Amino acid sequence: MTGSSAGLRRQLGLMSLIALAAGAVLGGWLAEAPYWFELTGAGAALVFPILAIILVPIGLAFAELTSMLPFSSSVDVWASNAMNPTAGWATQWLFFLVQVVEPPLVAFIFVTAAGYFVDVPVPVQPLIAIAIMVVWYVFSNFNIRLTGVLAIILFLVMVGITVGTSVYYLTSGHWQFTNISEHGGLFPHGMMGAIAAGSALVLKYIGFAMTPTMVQETRFAAKRMVLVILAGLFIPAVVYMLATVAIGGLAPHDVIASLSVPEPELVDRLGMPSIIGLLAIGAGLLYAFTTLMGFWTSSARVLYGASQLRQLPPWFMRTNRHGQPYIANLVVLGFGIFFAAFTSTNWVQYTYSLSVVAAGAVYFLGCLSALRLRSKRPEWERSFRAPLGTPIFILGMAVSAAITVIGVTLLPANAWPPIIAYIVIGALIPVAMRAYRSRTDGDYSPLVLTPEDIGKVD
């Protein structure tokens, strides 16, 4: 069932996938921090660990499903088995949206960082973001082992820099607790601001959900995916908490919210050594690059997985000599250009809200799939079983529904046209596939993979 003789290759170790997951979750705060402080001030330091805990039921559901149905099609094959292939495709298409908007997001982070040194005209910004994605497209077609090794190296370097600079801020003499306790306190916009921030900042944890799409390229047992998922939640929670407290004590929240790239700008304002600001920029770019690697890889695997299920043409399963799905990578580039073209100066809020709405729906359908398969297919082996079972899945569904509802309220006006266009495209693809089958291969009917297919698909 491969599009070429190469197919996907099992070259990712446990640490590589943890680095990809945690690194993807951590990416972006160099330019996104103003949005956090605008929403809820330094209270984000509490929001991040709370979110990690709240998302655990969803993570446990995904871990159980991965151990039972370890395919790159992930959410698609889960929902197809739990409900039907139509629900599977709908879930997969929403999941692709969650993944594919991330590359243009982090590409704009590179643009923002460049703006710290030189003035970048607004019309030029999308073009630079697109150019960055084109460069990564080239690298995406090389051996995935390179991605895994890079992820580990970059993760260790960037977390080390963040911890080091955070400790420096806390001990520099410029850090003042009154910047956090006064000026509106931890939550300057009250509980509603904290709730809105919680819904928006869910985006920062989307990386934990992408890892099941790479399960067919891992060298470890599927039951250990729970370790990757939990690491993708709690490692970033600790790092975010430390960094937010460290930055938040340097200035009042409204000052930080007014800055484009808070860390280096605060370093300049407070007369700290310029090397600290440069390290902050360097770490921020490494986070962004790791995020780009992770979500691009996941986006391509989502298309690859849909092709495995014959919901897309077999072209998406074609791999090059490095085992990379080069056509899927090209389509990811196309969507990245599409979303970058729609993005304007409020790109952070635009991408956050767009992703959160889709993510909430995917999380809900994933937890629903885990719940239904517990009763529908109790005989299927689950090498990892989520503790408490049904109550955990129901809790995950409730959290997911809340994420979606609140996320809709945050959508800016310019997010609706691409969402509508995206939904229309997703609805037309099954229609196009029926025409494709009638013209080329009547036997190319949709598949529903089961545990019996483990080891039989590439």
Protein backbone atom coordinates (compact mmCIF):
# COMPACT_ATOMS: atom_id res chain seq x y z
CA MET A 1 0.00 0.00 0.00
CA THR A 2 2.82 2.42 -0.67
CA GLY A 3 3.10 4.95 -3.43
CA SER A 4 6.68 3.87 -4.10
CA SER A 5 9.11 1.18 -3.07
CA ALA A 6 10.57 3.36 -0.34
CA GLY A 7 7.62 4.12 1.93
CA LEU A 8 7.87 5.66 5.39
CA ARG A 9 10.87 4.51 7.43
CA ARG A 10 11.15 3.86 11.15
CA GLN A 11 13.94 6.26 12.05
CA LEU A 12 12.59 8.35 14.95
CA GLY A 13 13.62 7.44 18.49
CA LEU A 14 11.74 8.28 21.67
CA MET A 15 13.89 11.32 22.49
CA SER A 16 13.59 12.66 18.94
CA LEU A 17 9.80 12.60 19.09
CA ILE A 18 9.73 14.11 22.59
CA ALA A 19 11.99 16.91 21.34
CA LEU A 20 9.75 17.46 18.32
CA ALA A 21 6.58 17.48 20.44
CA ALA A 22 7.88 19.68 23.26
CA GLY A 23 9.79 21.91 20.84
CA ALA A 24 6.69 22.42 18.71
CA VAL A 25 4.67 23.36 21.80
CA LEU A 26 7.34 25.83 22.89
CA GLY A 27 7.78 27.55 19.56
CA GLY A 28 6.76 31.12 19.01
CA TRP A 29 6.84 33.13 22.20
CA LEU A 30 9.46 35.54 20.87
CA ALA A 31 6.71 37.34 18.96
CA GLU A 32 3.60 35.92 20.65
CA ALA A 33 4.33 37.10 24.21
CA PRO A 34 2.63 40.52 23.66
CA TYR A 35 -0.63 38.69 22.89
CA TRP A 36 -0.33 36.65 26.09
CA PHE A 37 0.28 39.72 28.24
CA GLU A 38 -2.52 41.60 26.51
CA LEU A 39 -4.96 38.79 27.35
CA THR A 40 -4.01 38.05 30.92
CA GLY A 41 -0.71 39.63 31.98
CA ALA A 42 1.77 37.56 33.96
CA GLY A 43 -1.15 35.34 34.96
CA ALA A 44 -0.20 33.32 31.89
CA ALA A 45 2.42 31.76 34.17
CA LEU A 46 -0.46 30.05 35.99
CA VAL A 47 -2.59 29.48 32.89
CA PHE A 48 0.05 27.34 31.17
CA PRO A 49 0.42 24.61 33.84
CA ILE A 50 -3.34 24.60 34.43
CA LEU A 51 -3.88 24.06 30.72
CA ALA A 52 -1.39 21.18 30.70
CA ILE A 53 -3.39 19.47 33.45
CA ILE A 54 -6.75 20.18 31.79
CA LEU A 55 -5.53 18.68 28.51
CA VAL A 56 -4.35 15.42 30.13
CA PRO A 57 -7.69 13.59 29.52
CA ILE A 58 -7.43 14.41 25.81
CA GLY A 59 -3.80 13.29 25.77
CA LEU A 60 -4.69 9.99 27.47
CA ALA A 61 -7.45 9.35 24.92
CA PHE A 62 -5.02 9.98 22.05
CA ALA A 63 -2.42 7.72 23.69
CA GLU A 64 -4.88 4.83 24.03
CA LEU A 65 -6.08 5.20 20.45
CA THR A 66 -2.49 5.31 19.15
CA SER A 67 -1.58 2.12 21.01
CA MET A 68 -4.62 0.37 19.51
CA LEU A 69 -4.52 1.83 15.97
CA PRO A 70 -0.93 3.01 15.31
CA PHE A 71 -1.29 4.53 11.86
CA SER A 72 -0.15 7.86 10.41
CA SER A 73 -3.81 8.47 9.54
CA SER A 74 -4.37 8.73 13.35
CA VAL A 75 -7.57 10.74 13.98
CA ASP A 76 -9.00 9.66 10.64
CA VAL A 77 -8.74 5.93 11.27
CA TRP A 78 -9.93 6.37 14.87
CA ALA A 79 -13.08 8.26 13.89
CA SER A 80 -13.69 5.97 10.90
CA ASN A 81 -13.74 2.94 13.18
CA ALA A 82 -15.74 4.63 15.91
CA MET A 83 -18.30 6.23 13.60
CA ASN A 84 -17.87 6.07 9.81
CA PRO A 85 -15.43 7.11 7.05
CA THR A 86 -17.29 10.40 6.52
CA ALA A 87 -16.70 11.37 10.14
CA GLY A 88 -13.13 10.14 9.76
CA TRP A 89 -12.48 12.39 6.79
CA ALA A 90 -14.10 15.39 8.51
CA THR A 91 -11.89 14.86 11.55
CA GLN A 92 -8.80 14.46 9.40
CA TRP A 93 -9.54 17.60 7.40
CA LEU A 94 -9.98 19.66 10.58
CA PHE A 95 -6.80 18.14 11.97
CA PHE A 96 -4.93 19.09 8.81
CA LEU A 97 -6.07 22.69 9.33
CA VAL A 98 -4.69 22.64 12.88
CA GLN A 99 -1.33 21.41 11.62
CA VAL A 100 -0.94 23.31 8.36
CA VAL A 101 -1.54 26.83 9.73
CA GLU A 102 1.49 26.46 12.00
CA PRO A 103 4.24 26.72 9.34
CA PRO A 104 3.07 30.18 8.18
CA LEU A 105 2.68 31.21 11.84
CA VAL A 106 6.29 30.45 12.69
CA ALA A 107 7.47 31.85 9.37
CA PHE A 108 6.00 35.18 10.46
CA ILE A 109 7.97 34.88 13.70
CA PHE A 110 11.15 35.02 11.62
CA VAL A 111 9.75 38.14 9.96
CA THR A 112 9.03 39.70 13.37
CA ALA A 113 12.55 38.94 14.55
CA ALA A 114 13.95 40.59 11.43
CA GLY A 115 11.82 43.64 12.24
CA TYR A 116 13.82 44.11 15.43
CA PHE A 117 16.89 44.93 13.34
CA VAL A 118 15.42 46.55 10.22
CA ASP A 119 12.07 47.98 9.17
CA VAL A 120 10.16 45.36 7.18
CA PRO A 121 7.29 46.88 5.12
CA VAL A 122 3.94 45.20 5.78
CA PRO A 123 3.37 44.14 2.13
CA VAL A 124 6.78 42.43 2.13
CA GLN A 125 6.18 40.41 5.32
CA PRO A 126 4.04 37.64 3.72
CA LEU A 127 6.59 37.31 0.92
CA ILE A 128 9.41 36.72 3.41
CA ALA A 129 7.29 34.18 5.28
CA ILE A 130 6.57 32.36 2.03
CA ALA A 131 10.28 32.36 1.12
CA ILE A 132 11.12 30.77 4.48
CA MET A 133 8.55 28.03 3.87
CA VAL A 134 9.97 27.36 0.42
CA VAL A 135 13.42 26.88 1.95
CA TRP A 136 12.06 24.42 4.49
CA TYR A 137 10.16 22.57 1.75
CA VAL A 138 13.51 21.70 0.20
CA PHE A 139 14.86 20.38 3.51
CA SER A 140 11.63 18.50 4.27
CA ASN A 141 12.38 16.05 1.48
CA PHE A 142 15.54 14.72 3.12
CA ASN A 143 15.86 11.85 5.61
CA ILE A 144 13.55 12.26 8.61
CA ARG A 145 16.40 11.09 10.85
CA LEU A 146 17.96 14.49 10.19
CA THR A 147 14.80 16.14 11.50
CA GLY A 148 14.93 13.97 14.63
CA VAL A 149 18.59 14.71 15.37
CA LEU A 150 18.10 18.43 14.74
CA ALA A 151 15.08 18.44 17.05
CA ILE A 152 17.10 17.03 19.97
CA ILE A 153 20.03 19.42 19.47
CA LEU A 154 17.85 22.50 19.04
CA PHE A 155 15.61 21.54 21.97
CA LEU A 156 18.54 21.25 24.38
CA VAL A 157 20.13 24.49 23.17
CA MET A 158 16.99 26.61 23.18
CA VAL A 159 15.69 25.39 26.55
CA GLY A 160 19.16 25.93 28.01
CA ILE A 161 19.20 29.51 26.72
CA THR A 162 15.69 30.16 28.05
CA VAL A 163 16.48 28.85 31.51
CA GLY A 164 19.74 30.81 31.55
CA THR A 165 18.21 34.13 30.44
CA SER A 166 15.25 33.68 32.80
CA VAL A 167 17.59 33.19 35.76
CA TYR A 168 19.50 36.28 34.65
CA TYR A 169 16.33 38.40 34.54
CA LEU A 170 15.26 37.21 37.99
CA THR A 171 18.64 38.07 39.52
CA SER A 172 19.54 41.15 37.44
CA GLY A 173 18.18 43.72 39.87
CA HIS A 174 15.68 44.91 37.26
CA TRP A 175 13.08 42.26 38.12
CA GLN A 176 10.37 43.56 40.46
CA PHE A 177 7.45 41.59 41.84
CA THR A 178 5.37 44.77 41.84
CA ASN A 179 5.31 44.61 38.04
CA ILE A 180 3.27 41.44 38.52
CA SER A 181 1.35 42.13 41.75
CA GLU A 182 0.33 45.69 40.81
CA HIS A 183 -0.94 47.22 37.55
CA GLY A 184 -3.98 44.96 37.64
CA GLY A 185 -2.26 42.02 39.27
CA LEU A 186 -1.75 38.59 37.75
CA PHE A 187 -5.03 38.80 35.85
CA PRO A 188 -5.57 42.46 34.84
CA HIS A 189 -8.71 41.61 32.86
CA GLY A 190 -10.23 39.43 35.56
CA MET A 191 -11.58 35.92 35.29
CA MET A 192 -13.04 36.41 31.82
CA GLY A 193 -9.65 37.51 30.56
CA ALA A 194 -8.07 34.44 32.14
CA ILE A 195 -10.66 32.16 30.51
CA ALA A 196 -10.17 33.79 27.12
CA ALA A 197 -6.41 33.43 27.53
CA GLY A 198 -6.80 29.77 28.48
CA SER A 199 -8.78 29.08 25.32
CA ALA A 200 -6.38 31.00 23.08
CA LEU A 201 -3.23 29.57 24.67
CA VAL A 202 -4.47 26.02 24.03
CA LEU A 203 -2.80 26.58 20.66
CA LYS A 204 0.57 26.42 22.39
CA TYR A 205 -0.11 22.77 23.28
CA ILE A 206 -1.31 21.57 19.90
CA GLY A 207 2.08 19.93 19.37
CA PHE A 208 1.22 17.06 21.73
CA ALA A 209 -1.57 15.93 19.39
CA MET A 210 0.59 15.83 16.26
CA THR A 211 2.84 13.00 17.45
CA PRO A 212 0.48 10.08 16.62
CA THR A 213 0.81 10.98 12.93
CA MET A 214 4.48 9.93 13.11
CA VAL A 215 3.90 6.59 14.81
CA GLN A 216 4.71 4.66 11.62
CA GLU A 217 8.18 6.23 11.64
CA THR A 218 9.09 5.49 15.25
CA ARG A 219 11.49 2.84 16.53
CA PHE A 220 9.68 2.35 19.87
CA ALA A 221 6.47 0.57 20.86
CA ALA A 222 3.22 2.45 20.28
CA LYS A 223 2.29 2.07 23.96
CA ARG A 224 5.11 4.49 24.83
CA MET A 225 3.45 7.29 22.89
CA VAL A 226 1.82 8.32 26.17
CA LEU A 227 5.29 9.39 27.39
CA VAL A 228 5.72 11.62 24.34
CA ILE A 229 2.27 13.16 24.77
CA LEU A 230 2.70 13.88 28.48
CA ALA A 231 6.19 15.28 27.88
CA GLY A 232 4.71 17.51 25.19
CA LEU A 233 2.35 18.91 27.83
CA PHE A 234 4.41 19.25 30.98
CA ILE A 235 7.93 20.15 29.79
CA PRO A 236 6.60 23.25 28.02
CA ALA A 237 4.36 24.08 30.99
CA VAL A 238 7.39 24.37 33.27
CA VAL A 239 9.44 26.35 30.74
CA TYR A 240 6.55 28.70 29.94
CA MET A 241 5.88 29.31 33.64
CA LEU A 242 9.51 30.20 34.33
CA ALA A 243 9.86 32.44 31.27
CA THR A 244 6.56 34.27 31.82
CA VAL A 245 7.40 35.08 35.45
CA ALA A 246 10.90 36.18 34.47
CA ILE A 247 9.70 38.47 31.67
CA GLY A 248 6.63 39.67 33.57
CA GLY A 249 8.71 41.07 36.41
CA LEU A 250 10.70 43.32 34.10
CA ALA A 251 7.82 45.70 33.26
CA PRO A 252 4.06 46.16 33.75
CA HIS A 253 1.90 43.94 31.58
CA ASP A 254 0.59 46.78 29.41
CA VAL A 255 4.15 47.81 28.56
CA ILE A 256 5.07 44.27 27.53
CA ALA A 257 1.87 43.98 25.49
CA SER A 258 2.87 47.09 23.51
CA LEU A 259 6.23 45.67 22.41
CA SER A 260 6.83 43.72 19.21
CA VAL A 261 9.56 41.44 20.58
CA PRO A 262 9.47 41.96 24.37
CA GLU A 263 12.65 40.21 25.53
CA PRO A 264 15.29 42.03 23.45
CA GLU A 265 13.38 45.31 23.65
CA LEU A 266 13.22 45.11 27.45
CA VAL A 267 16.91 44.22 27.55
CA ASP A 268 17.64 47.42 25.59
CA ARG A 269 15.36 49.59 27.72
CA LEU A 270 16.79 48.35 31.00
CA GLY A 271 20.41 48.61 29.88
CA MET A 272 21.20 44.92 30.16
CA PRO A 273 24.09 43.46 28.13
CA SER A 274 23.10 43.25 24.48
CA ILE A 275 24.24 39.62 24.34
CA ILE A 276 21.23 38.71 26.50
CA GLY A 277 18.85 40.18 23.94
CA LEU A 278 20.64 38.42 21.11
CA LEU A 279 20.45 35.11 22.99
CA ALA A 280 16.72 35.65 23.48
CA ILE A 281 16.27 36.25 19.77
CA GLY A 282 18.40 33.22 18.93
CA ALA A 283 16.40 30.95 21.25
CA GLY A 284 13.14 32.32 19.85
CA LEU A 285 14.20 31.54 16.31
CA LEU A 286 15.27 28.03 17.30
CA TYR A 287 11.85 27.45 18.87
CA ALA A 288 10.19 28.70 15.72
CA PHE A 289 12.36 26.47 13.54
CA THR A 290 11.57 23.40 15.67
CA THR A 291 7.88 24.19 15.44
CA LEU A 292 8.15 24.53 11.68
CA MET A 293 9.87 21.13 11.43
CA GLY A 294 7.35 19.35 13.62
CA PHE A 295 4.12 20.69 12.18
CA TRP A 296 5.30 20.50 8.59
CA THR A 297 6.18 16.85 9.10
CA SER A 298 2.84 16.16 10.78
CA SER A 299 0.87 18.00 8.07
CA ALA A 300 2.45 15.87 5.35
CA ARG A 301 1.70 12.69 7.34
CA VAL A 302 -1.95 13.71 7.66
CA LEU A 303 -2.19 13.78 3.86
CA TYR A 304 -0.18 10.55 3.60
CA GLY A 305 -2.52 8.88 6.09
CA ALA A 306 -5.65 10.01 4.23
CA SER A 307 -4.17 8.49 1.10
CA GLN A 308 -3.60 5.23 3.00
CA LEU A 309 -7.34 5.19 3.63
CA ARG A 310 -7.98 5.99 -0.06
CA GLN A 311 -9.68 9.25 0.82
CA LEU A 312 -7.09 11.01 -1.33
CA PRO A 313 -5.40 9.78 -4.53
CA PRO A 314 -2.42 7.43 -4.16
CA TRP A 315 -0.04 10.20 -5.22
CA PHE A 316 0.15 11.43 -1.63
CA MET A 317 1.80 8.16 -0.60
CA ARG A 318 4.62 8.53 -3.09
CA THR A 319 7.92 8.81 -1.30
CA ASN A 320 11.38 9.70 -2.51
CA ARG A 321 14.55 7.75 -1.86
CA HIS A 322 14.76 9.30 1.62
CA GLY A 323 11.32 7.97 2.55
CA GLN A 324 9.72 11.44 2.39
CA PRO A 325 6.24 12.00 0.91
CA TYR A 326 7.34 14.68 -1.52
CA ILE A 327 3.93 15.38 -3.07
CA ALA A 328 2.36 15.76 0.38
CA ASN A 329 5.18 18.15 1.28
CA LEU A 330 4.43 20.21 -1.82
CA VAL A 331 0.74 20.45 -0.89
CA VAL A 332 1.69 21.58 2.62
CA LEU A 333 3.74 24.35 1.02
CA GLY A 334 0.74 25.34 -1.08
CA PHE A 335 -1.53 25.62 1.96
CA GLY A 336 1.16 27.52 3.84
CA ILE A 337 1.27 30.08 1.04
CA PHE A 338 -2.54 30.23 1.04
CA PHE A 339 -2.78 31.07 4.76
CA ALA A 340 0.21 33.42 4.67
CA ALA A 341 -1.50 35.41 1.91
CA PHE A 342 -4.61 35.90 4.10
CA THR A 343 -2.61 36.92 7.16
CA SER A 344 -2.37 40.59 8.08
CA THR A 345 -0.74 42.58 10.87
CA ASN A 346 -2.79 40.78 13.56
CA TRP A 347 -1.38 37.42 12.47
CA VAL A 348 -0.97 36.12 16.04
CA GLN A 349 -4.64 36.46 16.99
CA TYR A 350 -5.65 35.31 13.50
CA THR A 351 -3.71 32.06 13.69
CA TYR A 352 -4.45 31.40 17.37
CA SER A 353 -8.21 31.65 16.92
CA LEU A 354 -8.24 29.75 13.64
CA SER A 355 -6.30 26.84 15.13
CA VAL A 356 -8.08 26.72 18.47
CA VAL A 357 -11.54 26.31 16.95
CA ALA A 358 -10.39 23.43 14.74
CA ALA A 359 -8.31 21.84 17.52
CA GLY A 360 -11.24 21.84 19.94
CA ALA A 361 -13.37 20.01 17.39
CA VAL A 362 -10.62 17.45 16.68
CA TYR A 363 -10.06 16.85 20.41
CA PHE A 364 -13.79 16.31 20.92
CA LEU A 365 -14.04 13.80 18.06
CA GLY A 366 -10.90 12.02 19.29
CA CYS A 367 -12.26 11.60 22.82
CA LEU A 368 -15.63 10.54 21.39
CA SER A 369 -13.83 7.92 19.27
CA ALA A 370 -12.02 6.54 22.33
CA LEU A 371 -15.32 6.39 24.23
CA ARG A 372 -17.23 4.64 21.43
CA LEU A 373 -14.47 2.14 20.68
CA ARG A 374 -14.32 1.05 24.33
CA SER A 375 -17.87 -0.31 23.92
CA LYS A 376 -17.83 -1.04 20.18
CA ARG A 377 -14.48 -2.86 20.04
CA PRO A 378 -13.64 -4.01 23.58
CA GLU A 379 -11.75 -7.01 22.19
CA TRP A 380 -9.14 -4.92 20.39
CA GLU A 381 -5.80 -4.92 22.16
CA ARG A 382 -4.84 -1.68 23.85
CA SER A 383 -1.23 -1.82 24.97
CA PHE A 384 -1.95 1.41 26.84
CA ARG A 385 -5.34 1.96 28.48
CA ALA A 386 -6.35 5.40 29.73
CA PRO A 387 -7.05 5.18 33.49
CA LEU A 388 -10.73 5.60 34.51
CA GLY A 389 -11.80 5.12 30.90
CA THR A 390 -15.25 6.55 30.27
CA PRO A 391 -15.11 9.41 32.84
CA ILE A 392 -11.75 10.53 31.42
CA PHE A 393 -13.08 10.53 27.86
CA ILE A 394 -16.24 12.44 28.84
CA LEU A 395 -14.13 14.99 30.70
CA GLY A 396 -11.96 15.34 27.61
CA MET A 397 -15.05 15.93 25.47
CA ALA A 398 -16.29 18.63 27.86
CA VAL A 399 -12.92 20.41 27.80
CA SER A 400 -12.80 20.16 24.00
CA ALA A 401 -16.29 21.62 23.60
CA ALA A 402 -15.39 24.55 25.85
CA ILE A 403 -12.22 25.21 23.85
CA THR A 404 -14.19 25.37 20.60
CA VAL A 405 -17.01 27.58 21.90
CA ILE A 406 -14.67 30.12 23.48
CA GLY A 407 -12.37 29.97 20.46
CA VAL A 408 -15.20 31.01 18.13
CA THR A 409 -15.68 34.20 20.16
CA LEU A 410 -12.03 35.12 19.55
CA LEU A 411 -12.15 34.79 15.76
CA PRO A 412 -11.24 38.06 14.00
CA ALA A 413 -13.21 39.01 10.90
CA ASN A 414 -10.35 38.13 8.52
CA ALA A 415 -10.31 34.54 9.77
CA TRP A 416 -13.74 33.70 8.39
CA PRO A 417 -13.00 33.79 4.61
CA PRO A 418 -10.19 31.20 4.77
CA ILE A 419 -12.21 29.02 7.17
CA ILE A 420 -15.20 29.02 4.82
CA ALA A 421 -12.98 28.35 1.82
CA TYR A 422 -11.24 25.55 3.69
CA ILE A 423 -14.54 23.88 4.69
CA VAL A 424 -15.80 24.09 1.11
CA ILE A 425 -12.60 22.48 -0.18
CA GLY A 426 -12.95 19.69 2.39
CA ALA A 427 -16.55 19.03 1.35
CA LEU A 428 -15.65 18.96 -2.35
CA ILE A 429 -12.75 16.52 -2.01
CA PRO A 430 -14.97 13.42 -1.42
CA VAL A 431 -17.02 14.48 -4.46
CA ALA A 432 -13.87 14.79 -6.53
CA MET A 433 -12.69 11.39 -5.26
CA ARG A 434 -15.89 9.74 -6.46
CA ALA A 435 -15.24 11.17 -9.92
CA TYR A 436 -11.60 10.03 -9.69
CA ARG A 437 -12.66 6.45 -8.87
CA SER A 438 -15.20 6.30 -11.69
CA ARG A 439 -12.58 7.42 -14.22
CA THR A 440 -9.45 5.61 -13.05
CA ASP A 441 -10.03 2.79 -10.56
CA GLY A 442 -13.42 1.58 -9.43
CA ASP A 443 -11.76 -0.64 -6.82
CA TYR A 444 -10.09 2.33 -5.13
CA SER A 445 -12.81 2.51 -2.50
CA PRO A 446 -12.19 3.98 0.99
CA LEU A 447 -10.57 1.70 3.56
CA VAL A 448 -11.02 1.47 7.30
CA LEU A 449 -7.79 0.19 8.87
CA THR A 450 -8.08 -2.08 11.89
CA PRO A 451 -5.55 -3.76 14.22
CA GLU A 452 -5.32 -6.57 11.66
CA ASP A 453 -3.61 -4.12 9.29
CA ILE A 454 -0.76 -3.27 11.71
CA GLY A 455 2.51 -4.06 9.96
CA LYS A 456 0.81 -4.40 6.58
CA VAL A 457 0.85 -0.71 5.63
CA ASP A 458 3.89 1.51 5.21
